[in-house]
Amino acid sequence: MSCLLLLALLFVAAQAQAPPAPPSKPHWGAQFDAAFGLYSPVNNFINFTSHFYYNWDLKATLITYPERCLPTFNISLPCNLTFTPTGCFVTFPLLPTCLLFPGVGSIPPNFLAPFDYVSSTVSLDLFGNARYANYWVAPNATSFQYWTDAASGEDIQFLDGGNVLWTFGPLTDRPQDKGLFSVPSPAVACPTELFHPELEASLPFAGLSKLHKQFNPIH
């Protein structure tokens, strides 16, 4: 057997044993919104009604909780969380919007940038539909995991720091009204009695924002 033939056979054998390349990471559109269910066993929230609005042209995200706000706060009312370049704001009915966490803003469309592909699996969406999914884990953080549709790249589930699980409905790409993301300027800090600081880790999206900031300090 010639040396060239032997090398060719060894190359083919190596290629056959090589693991398949990981799938491409999906990206969000510049503007979209999606309903999602929020699960937080610590807070006894099961499929808690929520909605996610995204406008990267403004570098802003709005999350609404139309039934009741999270136990992070000392008020049992609906609330909105708005993430802007200034930080994370909270809004309650009949109360002025205030700045909760300075510098905790939105994240860029490459939402999986800090995550690595692990495997293919099956995951359940907001409506309980089983979908073939790609499973992603953030290797430099604790309990940040993502499941995206293997074919479309759509979000299916997101484990947000271990305390909160999101289950997504369809992401609808469409223009988002700038007024949705409006916050006061100059910002007024929230009073400390408004929230429980020890529950900050269970505040949805805030941990993902910090994770992205560590991964890419400038975005």
N, C-alpha and C. Protein backbone atom coordinates (compact mmCIF):
# COMPACT_ATOMS: atom_id res chain seq x y z
N MET A 1 0.86 -1.20 0.00
CA MET A 1 0.00 0.00 0.00
C MET A 1 0.89 1.24 0.00
N SER A 2 0.63 2.15 -0.89
CA SER A 2 1.45 3.35 -1.00
C SER A 2 1.22 4.25 0.20
N CYS A 3 2.20 5.13 0.47
CA CYS A 3 2.08 6.07 1.59
C CYS A 3 0.92 7.03 1.39
N LEU A 4 0.71 7.45 0.14
CA LEU A 4 -0.38 8.38 -0.15
C LEU A 4 -1.73 7.74 0.14
N LEU A 5 -1.90 6.47 -0.27
CA LEU A 5 -3.15 5.77 -0.04
C LEU A 5 -3.38 5.58 1.45
N LEU A 6 -2.31 5.23 2.18
CA LEU A 6 -2.43 5.03 3.62
C LEU A 6 -2.85 6.32 4.32
N LEU A 7 -2.26 7.45 3.92
CA LEU A 7 -2.61 8.73 4.50
C LEU A 7 -4.06 9.09 4.21
N ALA A 8 -4.49 8.77 2.98
CA ALA A 8 -5.88 9.08 2.61
C ALA A 8 -6.86 8.27 3.45
N LEU A 9 -6.54 6.97 3.67
CA LEU A 9 -7.41 6.12 4.49
C LEU A 9 -7.45 6.60 5.93
N LEU A 10 -6.30 7.03 6.48
CA LEU A 10 -6.25 7.54 7.84
C LEU A 10 -7.06 8.81 7.97
N PHE A 11 -7.02 9.67 6.96
CA PHE A 11 -7.78 10.92 6.97
C PHE A 11 -9.28 10.64 6.96
N VAL A 12 -9.71 9.70 6.12
CA VAL A 12 -11.13 9.35 6.06
C VAL A 12 -11.59 8.77 7.38
N ALA A 13 -10.78 7.92 8.00
CA ALA A 13 -11.14 7.31 9.28
C ALA A 13 -11.26 8.37 10.37
N ALA A 14 -10.35 9.35 10.37
CA ALA A 14 -10.40 10.42 11.37
C ALA A 14 -11.65 11.26 11.20
N GLN A 15 -12.00 11.55 9.94
CA GLN A 15 -13.19 12.34 9.68
C GLN A 15 -14.46 11.62 10.14
N ALA A 16 -14.48 10.30 9.95
CA ALA A 16 -15.65 9.51 10.32
C ALA A 16 -15.85 9.49 11.83
N GLN A 17 -14.73 9.57 12.60
CA GLN A 17 -14.82 9.51 14.05
C GLN A 17 -14.99 10.89 14.69
N ALA A 18 -14.80 11.96 13.93
CA ALA A 18 -14.89 13.31 14.49
C ALA A 18 -16.34 13.62 14.87
N PRO A 19 -16.55 14.30 16.01
CA PRO A 19 -17.92 14.64 16.41
C PRO A 19 -18.51 15.67 15.44
N PRO A 20 -19.82 15.66 15.28
CA PRO A 20 -20.43 16.64 14.37
C PRO A 20 -20.22 18.07 14.88
N ALA A 21 -20.17 18.99 13.96
CA ALA A 21 -19.99 20.39 14.33
C ALA A 21 -21.23 20.88 15.08
N PRO A 22 -21.04 21.73 16.09
CA PRO A 22 -22.22 22.26 16.81
C PRO A 22 -23.06 23.13 15.89
N PRO A 23 -24.36 23.23 16.14
CA PRO A 23 -25.22 24.06 15.30
C PRO A 23 -24.88 25.54 15.47
N SER A 24 -25.25 26.33 14.49
CA SER A 24 -25.07 27.78 14.59
C SER A 24 -25.99 28.34 15.67
N LYS A 25 -25.50 29.35 16.35
CA LYS A 25 -26.32 29.99 17.37
C LYS A 25 -27.35 30.90 16.72
N PRO A 26 -28.62 30.74 17.06
CA PRO A 26 -29.64 31.65 16.51
C PRO A 26 -29.50 33.05 17.09
N HIS A 27 -30.04 34.03 16.37
CA HIS A 27 -30.05 35.42 16.81
C HIS A 27 -31.49 35.92 16.87
N TRP A 28 -31.76 36.82 17.81
CA TRP A 28 -33.06 37.47 17.83
C TRP A 28 -33.15 38.51 16.72
N GLY A 29 -34.38 38.82 16.32
CA GLY A 29 -34.59 39.96 15.45
C GLY A 29 -34.40 41.25 16.23
N ALA A 30 -34.29 42.36 15.51
CA ALA A 30 -34.05 43.64 16.16
C ALA A 30 -35.24 44.09 17.00
N GLN A 31 -36.46 43.68 16.59
CA GLN A 31 -37.66 44.05 17.34
C GLN A 31 -38.63 42.86 17.30
N PHE A 32 -39.14 42.47 18.46
CA PHE A 32 -40.11 41.37 18.53
C PHE A 32 -40.78 41.38 19.89
N ASP A 33 -41.79 40.54 20.04
CA ASP A 33 -42.37 40.31 21.36
C ASP A 33 -42.83 38.86 21.44
N ALA A 34 -43.02 38.38 22.67
CA ALA A 34 -43.41 36.99 22.88
C ALA A 34 -44.04 36.83 24.26
N ALA A 35 -45.11 36.03 24.31
CA ALA A 35 -45.65 35.63 25.61
C ALA A 35 -44.76 34.52 26.17
N PHE A 36 -44.68 34.47 27.49
CA PHE A 36 -43.96 33.35 28.11
C PHE A 36 -44.57 33.05 29.47
N GLY A 37 -44.38 31.81 29.90
CA GLY A 37 -44.81 31.40 31.22
C GLY A 37 -43.61 31.36 32.15
N LEU A 38 -43.79 31.87 33.35
CA LEU A 38 -42.70 31.95 34.32
C LEU A 38 -42.92 30.91 35.42
N TYR A 39 -41.89 30.10 35.66
CA TYR A 39 -41.93 29.09 36.72
C TYR A 39 -40.86 29.43 37.75
N SER A 40 -41.27 29.53 39.00
CA SER A 40 -40.32 29.78 40.08
C SER A 40 -40.80 29.01 41.31
N PRO A 41 -40.32 27.77 41.48
CA PRO A 41 -40.78 26.94 42.61
C PRO A 41 -40.54 27.61 43.96
N VAL A 42 -39.43 28.36 44.07
CA VAL A 42 -39.13 29.04 45.33
C VAL A 42 -40.25 30.00 45.69
N ASN A 43 -40.81 30.66 44.66
CA ASN A 43 -41.86 31.65 44.88
C ASN A 43 -43.27 31.10 44.65
N ASN A 44 -43.36 29.79 44.36
CA ASN A 44 -44.64 29.14 44.10
C ASN A 44 -45.35 29.74 42.88
N PHE A 45 -44.58 30.10 41.86
CA PHE A 45 -45.14 30.59 40.60
C PHE A 45 -45.11 29.44 39.59
N ILE A 46 -46.26 29.08 39.05
CA ILE A 46 -46.36 28.00 38.08
C ILE A 46 -47.02 28.56 36.82
N ASN A 47 -46.27 28.62 35.72
CA ASN A 47 -46.77 29.14 34.44
C ASN A 47 -47.40 30.53 34.63
N PHE A 48 -46.65 31.39 35.26
CA PHE A 48 -47.08 32.74 35.60
C PHE A 48 -47.12 33.59 34.31
N THR A 49 -48.28 34.23 34.03
CA THR A 49 -48.46 34.97 32.79
C THR A 49 -47.48 36.15 32.69
N SER A 50 -46.75 36.21 31.58
CA SER A 50 -45.73 37.25 31.38
C SER A 50 -45.62 37.53 29.88
N HIS A 51 -45.06 38.70 29.55
CA HIS A 51 -44.86 39.06 28.14
C HIS A 51 -43.54 39.81 28.01
N PHE A 52 -42.85 39.50 26.92
CA PHE A 52 -41.49 40.01 26.67
C PHE A 52 -41.52 40.87 25.41
N TYR A 53 -41.05 42.13 25.52
CA TYR A 53 -40.97 43.05 24.38
C TYR A 53 -39.50 43.46 24.21
N TYR A 54 -39.06 43.48 22.95
CA TYR A 54 -37.64 43.71 22.68
C TYR A 54 -37.47 44.70 21.54
N ASN A 55 -36.63 45.72 21.76
CA ASN A 55 -36.31 46.69 20.71
C ASN A 55 -34.84 47.04 20.82
N TRP A 56 -34.02 46.35 20.03
CA TRP A 56 -32.58 46.58 20.12
C TRP A 56 -32.18 47.90 19.47
N ASP A 57 -33.03 48.45 18.62
CA ASP A 57 -32.75 49.78 18.09
C ASP A 57 -32.68 50.80 19.23
N LEU A 58 -33.43 50.54 20.29
CA LEU A 58 -33.39 51.38 21.50
C LEU A 58 -32.51 50.77 22.59
N LYS A 59 -31.99 49.55 22.31
CA LYS A 59 -31.26 48.79 23.33
C LYS A 59 -32.10 48.66 24.61
N ALA A 60 -33.34 48.21 24.41
CA ALA A 60 -34.28 48.16 25.52
C ALA A 60 -35.12 46.89 25.50
N THR A 61 -35.52 46.46 26.68
CA THR A 61 -36.40 45.31 26.87
C THR A 61 -37.46 45.67 27.90
N LEU A 62 -38.68 45.24 27.65
CA LEU A 62 -39.77 45.41 28.60
C LEU A 62 -40.35 44.04 28.93
N ILE A 63 -40.53 43.74 30.21
CA ILE A 63 -41.19 42.52 30.65
C ILE A 63 -42.39 42.92 31.50
N THR A 64 -43.57 42.43 31.11
CA THR A 64 -44.77 42.78 31.86
C THR A 64 -45.30 41.56 32.61
N TYR A 65 -45.80 41.83 33.81
CA TYR A 65 -46.44 40.81 34.64
C TYR A 65 -47.84 41.34 34.96
N PRO A 66 -48.82 41.05 34.10
CA PRO A 66 -50.14 41.69 34.22
C PRO A 66 -51.00 41.18 35.37
N GLU A 67 -50.65 40.04 35.95
CA GLU A 67 -51.46 39.50 37.06
C GLU A 67 -50.94 39.97 38.41
N ARG A 68 -49.66 39.75 38.64
CA ARG A 68 -49.04 40.13 39.92
C ARG A 68 -47.54 40.18 39.74
N CYS A 69 -46.91 41.10 40.44
CA CYS A 69 -45.46 41.22 40.33
C CYS A 69 -44.78 40.10 41.12
N LEU A 70 -43.48 40.05 41.00
CA LEU A 70 -42.70 39.00 41.63
C LEU A 70 -42.55 39.23 43.13
N PRO A 71 -42.32 38.17 43.90
CA PRO A 71 -42.14 38.33 45.35
C PRO A 71 -40.89 39.11 45.73
N THR A 72 -40.04 39.41 44.74
CA THR A 72 -38.88 40.27 44.99
C THR A 72 -39.34 41.60 45.59
N PHE A 73 -40.59 41.98 45.27
CA PHE A 73 -41.11 43.27 45.70
C PHE A 73 -42.13 43.11 46.82
N ASN A 74 -42.29 44.17 47.58
CA ASN A 74 -43.20 44.16 48.72
C ASN A 74 -44.60 44.63 48.35
N ILE A 75 -44.94 44.58 47.07
CA ILE A 75 -46.25 45.04 46.61
C ILE A 75 -46.88 43.94 45.76
N SER A 76 -48.07 43.51 46.10
CA SER A 76 -48.76 42.46 45.35
C SER A 76 -49.66 43.08 44.28
N LEU A 77 -49.04 43.70 43.30
CA LEU A 77 -49.73 44.34 42.18
C LEU A 77 -49.07 43.93 40.88
N PRO A 78 -49.74 44.13 39.75
CA PRO A 78 -49.04 43.95 38.46
C PRO A 78 -47.85 44.91 38.38
N CYS A 79 -46.88 44.56 37.56
CA CYS A 79 -45.72 45.45 37.41
C CYS A 79 -45.08 45.24 36.05
N ASN A 80 -44.24 46.20 35.68
CA ASN A 80 -43.41 46.12 34.48
C ASN A 80 -41.96 46.29 34.88
N LEU A 81 -41.08 45.55 34.21
CA LEU A 81 -39.63 45.76 34.35
C LEU A 81 -39.11 46.24 33.00
N THR A 82 -38.41 47.35 33.01
CA THR A 82 -37.86 47.92 31.78
C THR A 82 -36.35 47.99 31.90
N PHE A 83 -35.66 47.39 30.93
CA PHE A 83 -34.20 47.35 30.92
C PHE A 83 -33.69 48.27 29.81
N THR A 84 -32.94 49.30 30.17
CA THR A 84 -32.41 50.28 29.22
C THR A 84 -30.91 50.44 29.47
N PRO A 85 -30.21 51.21 28.65
CA PRO A 85 -28.80 51.46 28.93
C PRO A 85 -28.55 52.09 30.30
N THR A 86 -29.56 52.77 30.86
CA THR A 86 -29.40 53.36 32.19
C THR A 86 -29.46 52.30 33.28
N GLY A 87 -30.32 51.30 33.09
CA GLY A 87 -30.46 50.25 34.08
C GLY A 87 -31.84 49.64 34.05
N CYS A 88 -32.18 48.93 35.12
CA CYS A 88 -33.47 48.23 35.24
C CYS A 88 -34.43 49.09 36.06
N PHE A 89 -35.58 49.41 35.46
CA PHE A 89 -36.62 50.20 36.11
C PHE A 89 -37.82 49.31 36.43
N VAL A 90 -38.56 49.66 37.48
CA VAL A 90 -39.78 48.95 37.81
C VAL A 90 -40.93 49.94 37.86
N THR A 91 -42.10 49.51 37.36
CA THR A 91 -43.30 50.35 37.32
C THR A 91 -44.47 49.58 37.94
N PHE A 92 -45.15 50.21 38.87
CA PHE A 92 -46.38 49.68 39.46
C PHE A 92 -47.52 50.65 39.17
N PRO A 93 -48.77 50.15 39.13
CA PRO A 93 -49.90 51.06 38.95
C PRO A 93 -49.93 52.14 40.03
N LEU A 94 -50.15 53.38 39.60
CA LEU A 94 -50.33 54.53 40.49
C LEU A 94 -49.06 54.91 41.27
N LEU A 95 -47.93 54.31 40.92
CA LEU A 95 -46.67 54.66 41.56
C LEU A 95 -45.68 55.14 40.51
N PRO A 96 -44.79 56.07 40.84
CA PRO A 96 -43.82 56.54 39.85
C PRO A 96 -42.80 55.46 39.50
N THR A 97 -42.43 55.40 38.24
CA THR A 97 -41.38 54.47 37.80
C THR A 97 -40.06 54.85 38.47
N CYS A 98 -39.33 53.85 38.95
CA CYS A 98 -38.06 54.14 39.62
C CYS A 98 -36.97 53.19 39.15
N LEU A 99 -35.74 53.61 39.33
CA LEU A 99 -34.57 52.84 38.91
C LEU A 99 -34.20 51.83 39.99
N LEU A 100 -34.29 50.56 39.63
CA LEU A 100 -34.05 49.48 40.59
C LEU A 100 -32.58 49.11 40.66
N PHE A 101 -31.97 48.80 39.48
CA PHE A 101 -30.57 48.40 39.43
C PHE A 101 -29.85 49.18 38.32
N PRO A 102 -29.05 50.17 38.66
CA PRO A 102 -28.30 50.91 37.64
C PRO A 102 -27.37 49.99 36.86
N GLY A 103 -27.28 50.22 35.55
CA GLY A 103 -26.35 49.47 34.71
C GLY A 103 -26.80 48.09 34.30
N VAL A 104 -27.95 47.62 34.77
CA VAL A 104 -28.48 46.30 34.39
C VAL A 104 -29.45 46.53 33.24
N GLY A 105 -28.95 46.38 32.00
CA GLY A 105 -29.73 46.74 30.83
C GLY A 105 -30.17 45.55 30.01
N SER A 106 -30.51 45.81 28.75
CA SER A 106 -30.93 44.77 27.83
C SER A 106 -29.72 43.99 27.34
N ILE A 107 -29.96 43.00 26.49
CA ILE A 107 -28.87 42.21 25.92
C ILE A 107 -28.97 42.26 24.40
N PRO A 108 -27.86 42.03 23.69
CA PRO A 108 -27.88 42.12 22.22
C PRO A 108 -28.58 40.92 21.58
N PRO A 109 -28.87 41.03 20.27
CA PRO A 109 -29.57 39.93 19.58
C PRO A 109 -28.84 38.58 19.61
N ASN A 110 -27.53 38.58 19.79
CA ASN A 110 -26.81 37.30 19.89
C ASN A 110 -26.93 36.79 21.32
N PHE A 111 -28.17 36.48 21.71
CA PHE A 111 -28.51 36.17 23.10
C PHE A 111 -27.80 34.94 23.63
N LEU A 112 -27.31 34.07 22.74
CA LEU A 112 -26.62 32.86 23.17
C LEU A 112 -25.10 33.02 23.20
N ALA A 113 -24.61 34.24 23.06
CA ALA A 113 -23.17 34.45 23.00
C ALA A 113 -22.42 33.83 24.19
N PRO A 114 -22.90 33.93 25.42
CA PRO A 114 -22.15 33.33 26.53
C PRO A 114 -22.38 31.83 26.71
N PHE A 115 -23.17 31.21 25.81
CA PHE A 115 -23.57 29.81 25.97
C PHE A 115 -22.82 28.91 25.00
N ASP A 116 -22.62 27.66 25.40
CA ASP A 116 -22.01 26.64 24.55
C ASP A 116 -23.03 25.54 24.27
N TYR A 117 -22.96 25.00 23.07
CA TYR A 117 -23.84 23.89 22.70
C TYR A 117 -23.44 22.63 23.47
N VAL A 118 -24.45 21.90 23.95
CA VAL A 118 -24.20 20.66 24.70
C VAL A 118 -24.69 19.44 23.91
N SER A 119 -25.99 19.47 23.51
CA SER A 119 -26.56 18.29 22.86
C SER A 119 -27.92 18.63 22.27
N SER A 120 -28.47 17.66 21.56
CA SER A 120 -29.86 17.74 21.09
C SER A 120 -30.75 17.02 22.09
N THR A 121 -31.96 17.52 22.24
CA THR A 121 -32.87 16.94 23.22
C THR A 121 -34.30 17.29 22.84
N VAL A 122 -35.24 17.07 23.73
CA VAL A 122 -36.63 17.45 23.54
C VAL A 122 -37.01 18.40 24.67
N SER A 123 -37.74 19.46 24.33
CA SER A 123 -38.13 20.45 25.31
C SER A 123 -39.58 20.87 25.08
N LEU A 124 -40.24 21.33 26.14
CA LEU A 124 -41.64 21.74 26.07
C LEU A 124 -41.76 23.25 26.00
N ASP A 125 -42.60 23.75 25.09
CA ASP A 125 -42.80 25.19 24.98
C ASP A 125 -43.92 25.66 25.90
N LEU A 126 -44.35 26.91 25.75
CA LEU A 126 -45.38 27.51 26.61
C LEU A 126 -46.67 26.70 26.61
N PHE A 127 -47.00 26.07 25.49
CA PHE A 127 -48.26 25.36 25.36
C PHE A 127 -48.14 23.86 25.65
N GLY A 128 -46.97 23.44 26.13
CA GLY A 128 -46.77 22.04 26.45
C GLY A 128 -46.43 21.18 25.26
N ASN A 129 -46.13 21.80 24.11
CA ASN A 129 -45.75 21.04 22.91
C ASN A 129 -44.31 20.57 23.01
N ALA A 130 -44.08 19.29 22.75
CA ALA A 130 -42.72 18.76 22.74
C ALA A 130 -42.04 19.13 21.43
N ARG A 131 -40.86 19.72 21.53
CA ARG A 131 -40.14 20.17 20.34
C ARG A 131 -38.70 19.68 20.38
N TYR A 132 -38.21 19.27 19.21
CA TYR A 132 -36.81 18.86 19.09
C TYR A 132 -35.94 20.10 19.26
N ALA A 133 -35.01 20.05 20.19
CA ALA A 133 -34.32 21.26 20.62
C ALA A 133 -32.80 21.08 20.68
N ASN A 134 -32.11 22.21 20.57
CA ASN A 134 -30.70 22.29 20.89
C ASN A 134 -30.56 22.82 22.32
N TYR A 135 -29.68 22.19 23.07
CA TYR A 135 -29.51 22.51 24.48
C TYR A 135 -28.17 23.23 24.68
N TRP A 136 -28.23 24.40 25.34
CA TRP A 136 -27.06 25.27 25.52
C TRP A 136 -26.85 25.56 27.00
N VAL A 137 -25.58 25.65 27.41
CA VAL A 137 -25.25 25.95 28.81
C VAL A 137 -24.18 27.04 28.83
N ALA A 138 -24.32 27.99 29.77
CA ALA A 138 -23.29 29.01 29.98
C ALA A 138 -22.22 28.42 30.88
N PRO A 139 -21.02 28.14 30.35
CA PRO A 139 -20.01 27.42 31.14
C PRO A 139 -19.42 28.24 32.28
N ASN A 140 -19.49 29.56 32.19
CA ASN A 140 -18.87 30.42 33.21
C ASN A 140 -19.89 31.01 34.17
N ALA A 141 -21.04 30.39 34.28
CA ALA A 141 -22.08 30.86 35.19
C ALA A 141 -22.79 29.65 35.78
N THR A 142 -23.54 29.87 36.82
CA THR A 142 -24.25 28.79 37.50
C THR A 142 -25.71 28.76 37.07
N SER A 143 -26.13 27.61 36.54
CA SER A 143 -27.55 27.35 36.24
C SER A 143 -28.16 28.29 35.23
N PHE A 144 -27.39 28.67 34.20
CA PHE A 144 -27.96 29.38 33.06
C PHE A 144 -27.96 28.40 31.88
N GLN A 145 -29.18 28.00 31.47
CA GLN A 145 -29.33 27.01 30.41
C GLN A 145 -30.42 27.47 29.45
N TYR A 146 -30.27 27.11 28.17
CA TYR A 146 -31.21 27.55 27.14
C TYR A 146 -31.55 26.38 26.22
N TRP A 147 -32.80 26.36 25.76
CA TRP A 147 -33.25 25.38 24.78
C TRP A 147 -33.86 26.14 23.60
N THR A 148 -33.37 25.88 22.41
CA THR A 148 -33.89 26.52 21.21
C THR A 148 -34.33 25.47 20.20
N ASP A 149 -35.33 25.81 19.39
CA ASP A 149 -35.83 24.87 18.39
C ASP A 149 -34.71 24.52 17.41
N ALA A 150 -34.51 23.23 17.19
CA ALA A 150 -33.41 22.77 16.35
C ALA A 150 -33.55 23.20 14.90
N ALA A 151 -34.78 23.41 14.44
CA ALA A 151 -35.01 23.79 13.05
C ALA A 151 -35.10 25.30 12.87
N SER A 152 -35.92 25.97 13.70
CA SER A 152 -36.18 27.40 13.50
C SER A 152 -35.27 28.30 14.33
N GLY A 153 -34.67 27.75 15.39
CA GLY A 153 -33.85 28.57 16.28
C GLY A 153 -34.66 29.33 17.32
N GLU A 154 -35.99 29.19 17.32
CA GLU A 154 -36.83 29.92 18.27
C GLU A 154 -36.55 29.49 19.71
N ASP A 155 -36.70 30.43 20.62
CA ASP A 155 -36.58 30.14 22.04
C ASP A 155 -37.69 29.17 22.46
N ILE A 156 -37.34 28.19 23.28
CA ILE A 156 -38.33 27.27 23.84
C ILE A 156 -38.36 27.40 25.36
N GLN A 157 -37.20 27.22 25.99
CA GLN A 157 -37.10 27.36 27.44
C GLN A 157 -35.79 28.05 27.80
N PHE A 158 -35.81 28.69 28.97
CA PHE A 158 -34.62 29.36 29.49
C PHE A 158 -34.60 29.19 31.00
N LEU A 159 -33.55 28.55 31.53
CA LEU A 159 -33.34 28.45 32.97
C LEU A 159 -32.48 29.64 33.38
N ASP A 160 -33.10 30.54 34.13
CA ASP A 160 -32.55 31.87 34.39
C ASP A 160 -31.87 31.89 35.76
N GLY A 161 -30.67 31.32 35.82
CA GLY A 161 -29.91 31.34 37.07
C GLY A 161 -30.30 30.28 38.08
N GLY A 162 -31.17 29.36 37.69
CA GLY A 162 -31.52 28.24 38.58
C GLY A 162 -32.80 28.43 39.35
N ASN A 163 -33.22 29.69 39.57
CA ASN A 163 -34.43 29.93 40.36
C ASN A 163 -35.67 30.15 39.51
N VAL A 164 -35.49 30.44 38.24
CA VAL A 164 -36.60 30.83 37.38
C VAL A 164 -36.48 30.10 36.04
N LEU A 165 -37.61 29.55 35.55
CA LEU A 165 -37.66 28.91 34.24
C LEU A 165 -38.68 29.65 33.38
N TRP A 166 -38.26 30.03 32.17
CA TRP A 166 -39.16 30.63 31.19
C TRP A 166 -39.58 29.55 30.19
N THR A 167 -40.86 29.52 29.80
CA THR A 167 -41.30 28.70 28.67
C THR A 167 -41.95 29.65 27.66
N PHE A 168 -41.43 29.64 26.44
CA PHE A 168 -41.79 30.65 25.46
C PHE A 168 -42.92 30.21 24.53
N GLY A 169 -43.74 31.19 24.17
CA GLY A 169 -44.62 31.08 23.02
C GLY A 169 -43.87 31.57 21.80
N PRO A 170 -44.53 31.69 20.65
CA PRO A 170 -43.85 32.15 19.43
C PRO A 170 -43.27 33.56 19.59
N LEU A 171 -42.08 33.77 19.03
CA LEU A 171 -41.49 35.10 18.96
C LEU A 171 -42.00 35.76 17.68
N THR A 172 -42.68 36.89 17.83
CA THR A 172 -43.28 37.58 16.69
C THR A 172 -42.44 38.79 16.32
N ASP A 173 -41.78 38.72 15.17
CA ASP A 173 -40.98 39.85 14.69
C ASP A 173 -41.91 40.94 14.16
N ARG A 174 -41.92 42.09 14.82
CA ARG A 174 -42.74 43.22 14.40
C ARG A 174 -42.25 44.47 15.13
N PRO A 175 -42.52 45.65 14.57
CA PRO A 175 -42.07 46.88 15.21
C PRO A 175 -42.65 47.03 16.62
N GLN A 176 -41.84 47.52 17.52
CA GLN A 176 -42.27 47.75 18.90
C GLN A 176 -42.30 49.26 19.17
N ASP A 177 -43.42 49.74 19.64
CA ASP A 177 -43.61 51.16 19.91
C ASP A 177 -42.57 51.67 20.91
N LYS A 178 -41.92 52.78 20.55
CA LYS A 178 -40.89 53.34 21.43
C LYS A 178 -41.46 53.70 22.80
N GLY A 179 -42.74 54.09 22.82
CA GLY A 179 -43.35 54.48 24.08
C GLY A 179 -43.40 53.37 25.12
N LEU A 180 -43.37 52.11 24.66
CA LEU A 180 -43.39 50.99 25.60
C LEU A 180 -42.19 51.02 26.53
N PHE A 181 -41.07 51.55 26.04
CA PHE A 181 -39.81 51.46 26.77
C PHE A 181 -39.44 52.78 27.44
N SER A 182 -40.39 53.70 27.49
CA SER A 182 -40.12 55.02 28.05
C SER A 182 -39.92 54.95 29.57
N VAL A 183 -38.87 55.60 30.04
CA VAL A 183 -38.58 55.68 31.47
C VAL A 183 -38.22 57.12 31.80
N PRO A 184 -38.37 57.53 33.06
CA PRO A 184 -38.09 58.93 33.41
C PRO A 184 -36.61 59.28 33.32
N SER A 185 -36.36 60.52 32.98
CA SER A 185 -35.00 61.05 32.94
C SER A 185 -35.02 62.45 33.52
N PRO A 186 -34.23 62.73 34.53
CA PRO A 186 -33.26 61.81 35.16
C PRO A 186 -33.94 60.72 35.97
N ALA A 187 -33.24 59.62 36.12
CA ALA A 187 -33.79 58.47 36.84
C ALA A 187 -33.85 58.75 38.34
N VAL A 188 -34.90 58.23 38.96
CA VAL A 188 -35.06 58.32 40.41
C VAL A 188 -34.91 56.93 41.00
N ALA A 189 -34.01 56.79 41.96
CA ALA A 189 -33.75 55.47 42.55
C ALA A 189 -34.96 54.98 43.34
N CYS A 190 -35.20 53.67 43.28
CA CYS A 190 -36.29 53.07 44.04
C CYS A 190 -35.98 53.11 45.54
N PRO A 191 -36.99 53.32 46.37
CA PRO A 191 -36.76 53.24 47.82
C PRO A 191 -36.41 51.81 48.22
N THR A 192 -35.54 51.68 49.18
CA THR A 192 -35.06 50.34 49.57
C THR A 192 -36.18 49.48 50.13
N GLU A 193 -37.21 50.09 50.69
CA GLU A 193 -38.29 49.28 51.27
C GLU A 193 -39.19 48.68 50.20
N LEU A 194 -38.95 49.02 48.93
CA LEU A 194 -39.81 48.50 47.86
C LEU A 194 -39.55 47.03 47.56
N PHE A 195 -38.31 46.56 47.77
CA PHE A 195 -37.97 45.20 47.34
C PHE A 195 -37.09 44.53 48.37
N HIS A 196 -36.97 43.20 48.20
CA HIS A 196 -36.12 42.39 49.07
C HIS A 196 -34.76 42.19 48.38
N PRO A 197 -33.70 42.85 48.83
CA PRO A 197 -32.40 42.72 48.14
C PRO A 197 -31.91 41.29 48.06
N GLU A 198 -32.25 40.46 49.06
CA GLU A 198 -31.76 39.08 49.05
C GLU A 198 -32.40 38.25 47.95
N LEU A 199 -33.50 38.75 47.35
CA LEU A 199 -34.17 38.02 46.28
C LEU A 199 -33.79 38.52 44.89
N GLU A 200 -32.74 39.35 44.82
CA GLU A 200 -32.33 39.90 43.52
C GLU A 200 -31.99 38.80 42.53
N ALA A 201 -31.41 37.69 43.03
CA ALA A 201 -31.00 36.59 42.14
C ALA A 201 -32.19 35.97 41.43
N SER A 202 -33.40 36.11 41.98
CA SER A 202 -34.58 35.51 41.35
C SER A 202 -35.29 36.49 40.42
N LEU A 203 -34.75 37.68 40.21
CA LEU A 203 -35.37 38.64 39.32
C LEU A 203 -35.10 38.24 37.88
N PRO A 204 -36.11 37.86 37.11
CA PRO A 204 -35.89 37.37 35.75
C PRO A 204 -35.17 38.39 34.87
N PHE A 205 -34.28 37.89 34.03
CA PHE A 205 -33.54 38.64 33.01
C PHE A 205 -32.37 39.43 33.57
N ALA A 206 -32.42 39.85 34.83
CA ALA A 206 -31.33 40.64 35.39
C ALA A 206 -30.02 39.84 35.40
N GLY A 207 -30.11 38.55 35.76
CA GLY A 207 -28.91 37.73 35.76
C GLY A 207 -28.34 37.53 34.36
N LEU A 208 -29.23 37.36 33.37
CA LEU A 208 -28.77 37.21 31.98
C LEU A 208 -28.09 38.48 31.51
N SER A 209 -28.63 39.63 31.90
CA SER A 209 -28.01 40.91 31.55
C SER A 209 -26.59 40.98 32.12
N LYS A 210 -26.43 40.61 33.38
CA LYS A 210 -25.10 40.65 34.00
C LYS A 210 -24.15 39.66 33.35
N LEU A 211 -24.68 38.48 32.98
CA LEU A 211 -23.87 37.47 32.32
C LEU A 211 -23.33 38.00 30.99
N HIS A 212 -24.18 38.65 30.21
CA HIS A 212 -23.74 39.22 28.93
C HIS A 212 -22.71 40.33 29.15
N LYS A 213 -22.90 41.11 30.18
CA LYS A 213 -21.97 42.20 30.45
C LYS A 213 -20.58 41.65 30.81
N GLN A 214 -20.55 40.53 31.53
CA GLN A 214 -19.26 39.89 31.84
C GLN A 214 -18.61 39.31 30.58
N PHE A 215 -19.46 38.73 29.71
CA PHE A 215 -18.95 38.10 28.49
C PHE A 215 -18.46 39.14 27.50
N ASN A 216 -19.19 40.24 27.39
CA ASN A 216 -18.85 41.30 26.43
C ASN A 216 -19.15 42.64 27.10
N PRO A 217 -18.16 43.24 27.80
CA PRO A 217 -18.42 44.47 28.55
C PRO A 217 -18.94 45.62 27.69
N ILE A 218 -18.65 45.59 26.39
CA ILE A 218 -19.13 46.66 25.49
C ILE A 218 -20.02 46.03 24.46
N HIS A 219 -21.33 46.34 24.50
CA HIS A 219 -22.24 45.87 23.45
C HIS A 219 -23.31 46.89 23.20
